[in-house]
Amino acid sequence: MIGEGMTGVSVKQGELSGEEMDEIKKLFDACGKTEFIEERLMDAVVCASGSSPAFVYQFIEEIGRASCRERV
């Protein structure tokens, strides 16, 4: 909603024209920034953009819950 997203896109080299690549970039740039990357790096993109932030969020949430529990 605020245009601060980041998208990693992998396209097989030579499969799309420069014009098609530009159109793909425009489409994803509507949500933030777009970076074309090699397919071998997609696992890292998923880790950095989805799994890792979610894990950190859960970790912080649990620390907060634990600190608010009444001690016996």
Protein backbone atom coordinates (compact mmCIF):
# COMPACT_ATOMS: atom_id res chain seq x y z
CA MET A 1 0.00 0.00 0.00
CA ILE A 2 2.92 2.37 0.60
CA GLY A 3 5.06 1.26 -2.33
CA GLU A 4 7.88 -0.12 -0.22
CA GLY A 5 7.68 -3.74 -1.37
CA MET A 6 10.59 -5.64 -2.87
CA THR A 7 10.17 -8.30 -5.53
CA GLY A 8 12.78 -10.69 -6.87
CA VAL A 9 12.02 -11.95 -10.38
CA SER A 10 13.82 -14.75 -12.15
CA VAL A 11 13.55 -15.08 -15.91
CA LYS A 12 15.39 -17.59 -18.05
CA GLN A 13 18.01 -15.69 -20.03
CA GLY A 14 16.93 -15.04 -23.61
CA GLU A 15 13.37 -16.19 -23.00
CA LEU A 16 11.85 -12.70 -23.00
CA SER A 17 12.58 -9.60 -25.04
CA GLY A 18 13.87 -6.41 -23.45
CA GLU A 19 10.43 -4.87 -23.95
CA GLU A 20 8.76 -7.77 -22.13
CA MET A 21 11.27 -7.47 -19.28
CA ASP A 22 10.48 -3.75 -19.02
CA GLU A 23 6.75 -4.51 -18.82
CA ILE A 24 7.32 -7.07 -16.06
CA LYS A 25 9.43 -4.55 -14.16
CA LYS A 26 6.75 -1.86 -14.50
CA LEU A 27 4.12 -4.26 -13.21
CA PHE A 28 6.06 -5.19 -10.07
CA ASP A 29 7.42 -1.66 -9.54
CA ALA A 30 3.82 -0.60 -8.84
CA CYS A 31 4.30 -2.26 -5.43
CA GLY A 32 7.85 -1.06 -4.74
CA LYS A 33 11.20 -2.11 -6.15
CA THR A 34 11.98 -4.98 -8.50
CA GLU A 35 15.22 -6.82 -9.02
CA PHE A 36 15.93 -9.44 -11.67
CA ILE A 37 18.02 -12.22 -10.19
CA GLU A 38 19.37 -15.61 -11.17
CA GLU A 39 17.08 -18.53 -10.37
CA ARG A 40 19.70 -20.07 -8.09
CA LEU A 41 19.20 -17.09 -5.74
CA MET A 42 15.43 -17.47 -5.37
CA ASP A 43 15.75 -19.44 -2.10
CA ALA A 44 17.65 -16.51 -0.60
CA VAL A 45 14.98 -14.06 -1.80
CA VAL A 46 12.24 -16.14 -0.19
CA CYS A 47 14.23 -16.35 3.03
CA ALA A 48 14.93 -12.61 3.18
CA SER A 49 11.50 -11.43 2.12
CA GLY A 50 9.15 -13.92 3.73
CA SER A 51 10.39 -16.57 6.08
CA SER A 52 13.03 -14.63 8.01
CA PRO A 53 10.95 -11.52 8.80
CA ALA A 54 8.05 -13.73 9.88
CA PHE A 55 10.35 -15.71 12.18
CA VAL A 56 11.78 -12.52 13.71
CA TYR A 57 8.26 -11.16 14.24
CA GLN A 58 7.21 -14.37 16.04
CA PHE A 59 10.37 -14.32 18.14
CA ILE A 60 9.79 -10.70 19.25
CA GLU A 61 6.13 -11.41 19.98
CA GLU A 62 7.03 -14.37 22.21
CA ILE A 63 9.64 -12.31 24.09
CA GLY A 64 6.92 -9.74 24.78
CA ARG A 65 4.50 -12.38 25.98
CA ALA A 66 7.09 -14.01 28.20
CA SER A 67 8.04 -10.68 29.79
CA CYS A 68 4.40 -9.93 30.65
CA ARG A 69 3.63 -13.27 32.31
CA GLU A 70 3.15 -13.21 36.02
CA ARG A 71 6.03 -14.84 37.89
CA VAL A 72 5.12 -17.51 40.44
